[in-house]
Amino acid sequence: MIWTLIGTLMVGVGAACIVFIAFRALGRPVPGWVLPAAAGAGMLTFHIWSDYAWADRTAAELPDHVVVAERYTSRNMLQPWTYLVPKVDRFAAVDLHQIRRHPEVEEMALAVVHLVTRWYPTVSTQQLYDCASPRRADVGQALDVDAEGRPIDVDWVTLEPDDPIRGVVCAADNERPNGPA
């Protein structure tokens, strides 16, 4: 966050310097309002770019085996341009190397889902997905299963049939029932 503030201030100073040099090169006097306006416009433009580009920049730094499954957008009254084009302020990413399947219950997949939100620490959760019906369950480190490999005492959450995270998890490589070799 401090680097964003420093970057915003530096862009403002740089914009004011460019305008100042342009006026000097033209041999014209600089009106008193022009430099603060140029600095403000530069800082606002940088801030808007930073808000809209952070999700793509962050996702580009993820390893190849971590896939962004869903992006969540928001609108903010203090940023009226977000009503025209909502900005992505968080996303969910699935680690394809950590998807696990029980050899006897192929329709169930246990996945690690990373919840990434701007300005907050990333939260990693384990979620169990039923690929045969649209539902998932949040599970802890100890998942109890019966003799057939089916989960015991989990709280299922009903999902939309086209849930993007479930789609990524269930479409993951079925050839590795116990994870990567």
C-alpha atoms as a PDB file:
ATOM      1  CA  MET A   1       0.000   0.000   0.000  1.00  0.00           C
ATOM      2  CA  ILE A   2       2.850   2.381   0.783  1.00  0.00           C
ATOM      3  CA  TRP A   3       4.323   1.732  -2.666  1.00  0.00           C
ATOM      4  CA  THR A   4       1.031   2.672  -4.298  1.00  0.00           C
ATOM      5  CA  LEU A   5       1.011   5.948  -2.360  1.00  0.00           C
ATOM      6  CA  ILE A   6       4.624   6.678  -3.311  1.00  0.00           C
ATOM      7  CA  GLY A   7       3.908   5.770  -6.941  1.00  0.00           C
ATOM      8  CA  THR A   8       0.840   8.014  -7.014  1.00  0.00           C
ATOM      9  CA  LEU A   9       2.820  10.951  -5.628  1.00  0.00           C
ATOM     10  CA  MET A  10       5.673  10.377  -8.088  1.00  0.00           C
ATOM     11  CA  VAL A  11       3.267  10.267 -11.031  1.00  0.00           C
ATOM     12  CA  GLY A  12       1.766  13.571  -9.833  1.00  0.00           C
ATOM     13  CA  VAL A  13       5.192  15.199  -9.614  1.00  0.00           C
ATOM     14  CA  GLY A  14       6.145  13.760 -13.001  1.00  0.00           C
ATOM     15  CA  ALA A  15       2.969  15.059 -14.671  1.00  0.00           C
ATOM     16  CA  ALA A  16       3.520  18.530 -13.225  1.00  0.00           C
ATOM     17  CA  CYS A  17       7.160  18.492 -14.402  1.00  0.00           C
ATOM     18  CA  ILE A  18       6.175  17.474 -17.932  1.00  0.00           C
ATOM     19  CA  VAL A  19       3.609  20.270 -18.144  1.00  0.00           C
ATOM     20  CA  PHE A  20       6.119  22.768 -16.708  1.00  0.00           C
ATOM     21  CA  ILE A  21       8.774  21.746 -19.264  1.00  0.00           C
ATOM     22  CA  ALA A  22       6.222  21.934 -22.090  1.00  0.00           C
ATOM     23  CA  PHE A  23       5.255  25.496 -21.123  1.00  0.00           C
ATOM     24  CA  ARG A  24       8.928  26.496 -20.811  1.00  0.00           C
ATOM     25  CA  ALA A  25       9.721  24.980 -24.225  1.00  0.00           C
ATOM     26  CA  LEU A  26       6.901  27.010 -25.747  1.00  0.00           C
ATOM     27  CA  GLY A  27       8.192  30.126 -24.023  1.00  0.00           C
ATOM     28  CA  ARG A  28       4.897  30.794 -22.314  1.00  0.00           C
ATOM     29  CA  PRO A  29       4.289  31.564 -18.661  1.00  0.00           C
ATOM     30  CA  VAL A  30       2.708  28.776 -16.620  1.00  0.00           C
ATOM     31  CA  PRO A  31      -0.688  29.742 -15.195  1.00  0.00           C
ATOM     32  CA  GLY A  32      -0.865  29.108 -11.439  1.00  0.00           C
ATOM     33  CA  TRP A  33      -3.596  26.483 -11.650  1.00  0.00           C
ATOM     34  CA  VAL A  34      -2.057  24.331 -14.395  1.00  0.00           C
ATOM     35  CA  LEU A  35       0.650  22.505 -12.395  1.00  0.00           C
ATOM     36  CA  PRO A  36      -1.642  21.406  -9.533  1.00  0.00           C
ATOM     37  CA  ALA A  37      -4.293  20.374 -12.084  1.00  0.00           C
ATOM     38  CA  ALA A  38      -1.734  18.333 -14.064  1.00  0.00           C
ATOM     39  CA  ALA A  39      -0.466  16.677 -10.881  1.00  0.00           C
ATOM     40  CA  GLY A  40      -4.018  15.878  -9.758  1.00  0.00           C
ATOM     41  CA  ALA A  41      -5.011  14.502 -13.167  1.00  0.00           C
ATOM     42  CA  GLY A  42      -1.873  12.343 -13.262  1.00  0.00           C
ATOM     43  CA  MET A  43      -2.445  10.999  -9.749  1.00  0.00           C
ATOM     44  CA  LEU A  44      -6.123  10.277 -10.407  1.00  0.00           C
ATOM     45  CA  THR A  45      -5.302   8.516 -13.677  1.00  0.00           C
ATOM     46  CA  PHE A  46      -2.606   6.410 -11.996  1.00  0.00           C
ATOM     47  CA  HIS A  47      -4.934   5.512  -9.133  1.00  0.00           C
ATOM     48  CA  ILE A  48      -7.691   4.411 -11.514  1.00  0.00           C
ATOM     49  CA  TRP A  49      -5.223   2.370 -13.583  1.00  0.00           C
ATOM     50  CA  SER A  50      -3.809   0.761 -10.450  1.00  0.00           C
ATOM     51  CA  ASP A  51      -7.296  -0.172  -9.181  1.00  0.00           C
ATOM     52  CA  TYR A  52      -8.314  -1.757 -12.460  1.00  0.00           C
ATOM     53  CA  ALA A  53      -5.013  -3.485 -13.260  1.00  0.00           C
ATOM     54  CA  TRP A  54      -4.126  -5.024  -9.888  1.00  0.00           C
ATOM     55  CA  ALA A  55      -6.102  -8.254 -10.441  1.00  0.00           C
ATOM     56  CA  ASP A  56      -4.462  -8.954 -13.800  1.00  0.00           C
ATOM     57  CA  ARG A  57      -1.007  -8.078 -12.434  1.00  0.00           C
ATOM     58  CA  THR A  58      -1.543 -10.313  -9.389  1.00  0.00           C
ATOM     59  CA  ALA A  59      -2.930 -13.205 -11.455  1.00  0.00           C
ATOM     60  CA  ALA A  60       0.030 -12.965 -13.847  1.00  0.00           C
ATOM     61  CA  GLU A  61       2.395 -13.598 -10.917  1.00  0.00           C
ATOM     62  CA  LEU A  62       0.659 -16.830  -9.907  1.00  0.00           C
ATOM     63  CA  PRO A  63       2.335 -20.130 -10.820  1.00  0.00           C
ATOM     64  CA  ASP A  64       1.024 -21.892 -13.942  1.00  0.00           C
ATOM     65  CA  HIS A  65      -0.742 -24.540 -11.868  1.00  0.00           C
ATOM     66  CA  VAL A  66      -2.839 -21.934 -10.016  1.00  0.00           C
ATOM     67  CA  VAL A  67      -5.830 -20.888 -12.133  1.00  0.00           C
ATOM     68  CA  VAL A  68      -8.075 -17.896 -11.511  1.00  0.00           C
ATOM     69  CA  ALA A  69     -11.546 -19.432 -11.484  1.00  0.00           C
ATOM     70  CA  GLU A  70     -13.732 -16.477 -10.565  1.00  0.00           C
ATOM     71  CA  ARG A  71     -13.409 -12.699 -10.351  1.00  0.00           C
ATOM     72  CA  TYR A  72     -15.643 -10.568  -8.169  1.00  0.00           C
ATOM     73  CA  THR A  73     -16.419  -6.975  -9.133  1.00  0.00           C
ATOM     74  CA  SER A  74     -17.575  -4.043  -7.056  1.00  0.00           C
ATOM     75  CA  ARG A  75     -18.931  -0.541  -7.371  1.00  0.00           C
ATOM     76  CA  ASN A  76     -18.108   2.309  -5.013  1.00  0.00           C
ATOM     77  CA  MET A  77     -19.940   5.587  -4.552  1.00  0.00           C
ATOM     78  CA  LEU A  78     -16.627   7.350  -3.857  1.00  0.00           C
ATOM     79  CA  GLN A  79     -15.360   6.127  -7.231  1.00  0.00           C
ATOM     80  CA  PRO A  80     -18.265   6.957  -9.573  1.00  0.00           C
ATOM     81  CA  TRP A  81     -16.503   5.543 -12.654  1.00  0.00           C
ATOM     82  CA  THR A  82     -16.959   2.061 -11.156  1.00  0.00           C
ATOM     83  CA  TYR A  83     -20.674   2.348 -11.903  1.00  0.00           C
ATOM     84  CA  LEU A  84     -19.780   2.494 -15.602  1.00  0.00           C
ATOM     85  CA  VAL A  85     -17.077  -0.171 -15.447  1.00  0.00           C
ATOM     86  CA  PRO A  86     -17.029  -2.195 -12.201  1.00  0.00           C
ATOM     87  CA  LYS A  87     -13.566  -3.030 -10.894  1.00  0.00           C
ATOM     88  CA  VAL A  88     -12.317  -6.436  -9.779  1.00  0.00           C
ATOM     89  CA  ASP A  89     -11.482  -6.217  -6.090  1.00  0.00           C
ATOM     90  CA  ARG A  90     -11.030  -9.931  -5.342  1.00  0.00           C
ATOM     91  CA  PHE A  91     -10.745 -13.293  -7.048  1.00  0.00           C
ATOM     92  CA  ALA A  92     -10.692 -17.008  -6.296  1.00  0.00           C
ATOM     93  CA  ALA A  93      -7.854 -19.155  -7.622  1.00  0.00           C
ATOM     94  CA  VAL A  94      -7.631 -22.951  -7.645  1.00  0.00           C
ATOM     95  CA  ASP A  95      -4.335 -24.798  -7.173  1.00  0.00           C
ATOM     96  CA  LEU A  96      -4.555 -27.605  -9.735  1.00  0.00           C
ATOM     97  CA  HIS A  97      -1.651 -29.500  -8.143  1.00  0.00           C
ATOM     98  CA  GLN A  98      -3.514 -29.834  -4.866  1.00  0.00           C
ATOM     99  CA  ILE A  99      -6.788 -31.272  -6.181  1.00  0.00           C
ATOM    100  CA  ARG A 100      -7.356 -34.694  -4.633  1.00  0.00           C
ATOM    101  CA  ARG A 101      -9.830 -37.423  -5.520  1.00  0.00           C
ATOM    102  CA  HIS A 102     -10.607 -40.607  -3.662  1.00  0.00           C
ATOM    103  CA  PRO A 103     -10.018 -43.597  -5.943  1.00  0.00           C
ATOM    104  CA  GLU A 104     -13.428 -45.046  -5.041  1.00  0.00           C
ATOM    105  CA  VAL A 105     -15.432 -41.804  -5.288  1.00  0.00           C
ATOM    106  CA  GLU A 106     -14.424 -40.125  -8.543  1.00  0.00           C
ATOM    107  CA  GLU A 107     -17.250 -37.544  -8.468  1.00  0.00           C
ATOM    108  CA  MET A 108     -15.827 -35.875  -5.331  1.00  0.00           C
ATOM    109  CA  ALA A 109     -12.853 -33.530  -5.563  1.00  0.00           C
ATOM    110  CA  LEU A 110     -11.025 -31.861  -2.686  1.00  0.00           C
ATOM    111  CA  ALA A 111      -9.399 -28.602  -3.753  1.00  0.00           C
ATOM    112  CA  VAL A 112      -7.368 -25.794  -2.255  1.00  0.00           C
ATOM    113  CA  VAL A 113      -8.963 -22.476  -3.193  1.00  0.00           C
ATOM    114  CA  HIS A 114      -7.041 -19.247  -2.640  1.00  0.00           C
ATOM    115  CA  LEU A 115      -9.213 -16.196  -1.950  1.00  0.00           C
ATOM    116  CA  VAL A 116      -7.239 -13.120  -2.992  1.00  0.00           C
ATOM    117  CA  THR A 117      -8.518  -9.666  -2.017  1.00  0.00           C
ATOM    118  CA  ARG A 118      -6.750  -6.389  -2.615  1.00  0.00           C
ATOM    119  CA  TRP A 119      -5.156  -4.933   0.536  1.00  0.00           C
ATOM    120  CA  TYR A 120      -5.892  -8.081   2.566  1.00  0.00           C
ATOM    121  CA  PRO A 121      -3.887 -11.253   3.200  1.00  0.00           C
ATOM    122  CA  THR A 122      -4.693 -14.186   0.942  1.00  0.00           C
ATOM    123  CA  VAL A 123      -6.852 -16.855   2.551  1.00  0.00           C
ATOM    124  CA  SER A 124      -6.483 -20.480   1.477  1.00  0.00           C
ATOM    125  CA  THR A 125      -9.376 -22.852   2.092  1.00  0.00           C
ATOM    126  CA  GLN A 126     -10.042 -26.507   1.433  1.00  0.00           C
ATOM    127  CA  GLN A 127     -13.302 -27.095  -0.351  1.00  0.00           C
ATOM    128  CA  LEU A 128     -14.934 -30.372  -1.312  1.00  0.00           C
ATOM    129  CA  TYR A 129     -16.817 -30.307  -4.617  1.00  0.00           C
ATOM    130  CA  ASP A 130     -19.403 -32.785  -5.802  1.00  0.00           C
ATOM    131  CA  CYS A 131     -18.921 -33.007  -9.557  1.00  0.00           C
ATOM    132  CA  ALA A 132     -22.110 -35.068  -9.988  1.00  0.00           C
ATOM    133  CA  SER A 133     -24.379 -32.403  -8.479  1.00  0.00           C
ATOM    134  CA  PRO A 134     -23.792 -28.676  -7.984  1.00  0.00           C
ATOM    135  CA  ARG A 135     -22.697 -28.448  -4.374  1.00  0.00           C
ATOM    136  CA  ARG A 136     -19.611 -27.844  -2.266  1.00  0.00           C
ATOM    137  CA  ALA A 137     -18.562 -28.058   1.364  1.00  0.00           C
ATOM    138  CA  ASP A 138     -15.913 -26.162   3.289  1.00  0.00           C
ATOM    139  CA  VAL A 139     -13.745 -28.685   5.092  1.00  0.00           C
ATOM    140  CA  GLY A 140     -10.909 -28.438   7.556  1.00  0.00           C
ATOM    141  CA  GLN A 141      -7.687 -30.389   7.692  1.00  0.00           C
ATOM    142  CA  ALA A 142      -9.439 -33.516   8.979  1.00  0.00           C
ATOM    143  CA  LEU A 143     -12.110 -34.729   6.585  1.00  0.00           C
ATOM    144  CA  ASP A 144     -13.920 -37.790   7.871  1.00  0.00           C
ATOM    145  CA  VAL A 145     -14.933 -40.331   5.252  1.00  0.00           C
ATOM    146  CA  ASP A 146     -16.841 -43.604   5.503  1.00  0.00           C
ATOM    147  CA  ALA A 147     -15.598 -47.005   4.341  1.00  0.00           C
ATOM    148  CA  GLU A 148     -16.567 -46.193   0.741  1.00  0.00           C
ATOM    149  CA  GLY A 149     -14.678 -42.874   0.773  1.00  0.00           C
ATOM    150  CA  ARG A 150     -17.739 -40.611   0.988  1.00  0.00           C
ATOM    151  CA  PRO A 151     -17.569 -37.611   3.311  1.00  0.00           C
ATOM    152  CA  ILE A 152     -19.267 -37.778   6.702  1.00  0.00           C
ATOM    153  CA  ASP A 153     -20.985 -34.833   8.420  1.00  0.00           C
ATOM    154  CA  VAL A 154     -20.195 -32.052   5.960  1.00  0.00           C
ATOM    155  CA  ASP A 155     -22.409 -29.009   5.439  1.00  0.00           C
ATOM    156  CA  TRP A 156     -23.152 -28.866   1.727  1.00  0.00           C
ATOM    157  CA  VAL A 157     -23.783 -25.535   0.044  1.00  0.00           C
ATOM    158  CA  THR A 158     -25.901 -25.658  -3.113  1.00  0.00           C
ATOM    159  CA  LEU A 159     -24.242 -23.973  -6.082  1.00  0.00           C
ATOM    160  CA  GLU A 160     -25.431 -22.785  -9.444  1.00  0.00           C
ATOM    161  CA  PRO A 161     -24.936 -25.533 -12.066  1.00  0.00           C
ATOM    162  CA  ASP A 162     -22.431 -23.321 -13.907  1.00  0.00           C
ATOM    163  CA  ASP A 163     -20.394 -22.295 -10.839  1.00  0.00           C
ATOM    164  CA  PRO A 164     -16.967 -21.328 -12.235  1.00  0.00           C
ATOM    165  CA  ILE A 165     -14.869 -22.651  -9.347  1.00  0.00           C
ATOM    166  CA  ARG A 166     -16.658 -26.010  -9.419  1.00  0.00           C
ATOM    167  CA  GLY A 167     -16.146 -26.065 -13.173  1.00  0.00           C
ATOM    168  CA  VAL A 168     -12.380 -25.644 -12.831  1.00  0.00           C
ATOM    169  CA  VAL A 169     -12.088 -28.194 -10.018  1.00  0.00           C
ATOM    170  CA  CYS A 170     -14.224 -30.837 -11.723  1.00  0.00           C
ATOM    171  CA  ALA A 171     -12.548 -30.345 -15.101  1.00  0.00           C
ATOM    172  CA  ALA A 172      -9.088 -30.835 -13.583  1.00  0.00           C
ATOM    173  CA  ASP A 173      -7.040 -33.847 -14.582  1.00  0.00           C
ATOM    174  CA  ASN A 174      -8.881 -36.990 -13.520  1.00  0.00           C
ATOM    175  CA  GLU A 175      -5.815 -39.102 -14.170  1.00  0.00           C
ATOM    176  CA  ARG A 176      -4.258 -38.117 -10.823  1.00  0.00           C
ATOM    177  CA  PRO A 177      -6.659 -39.344  -8.131  1.00  0.00           C
ATOM    178  CA  ASN A 178      -4.159 -38.688  -5.353  1.00  0.00           C
ATOM    179  CA  GLY A 179      -2.490 -35.562  -6.705  1.00  0.00           C
ATOM    180  CA  PRO A 180       0.721 -35.016  -8.647  1.00  0.00           C
ATOM    181  CA  ALA A 181       3.208 -37.821  -8.948  1.00  0.00           C
END
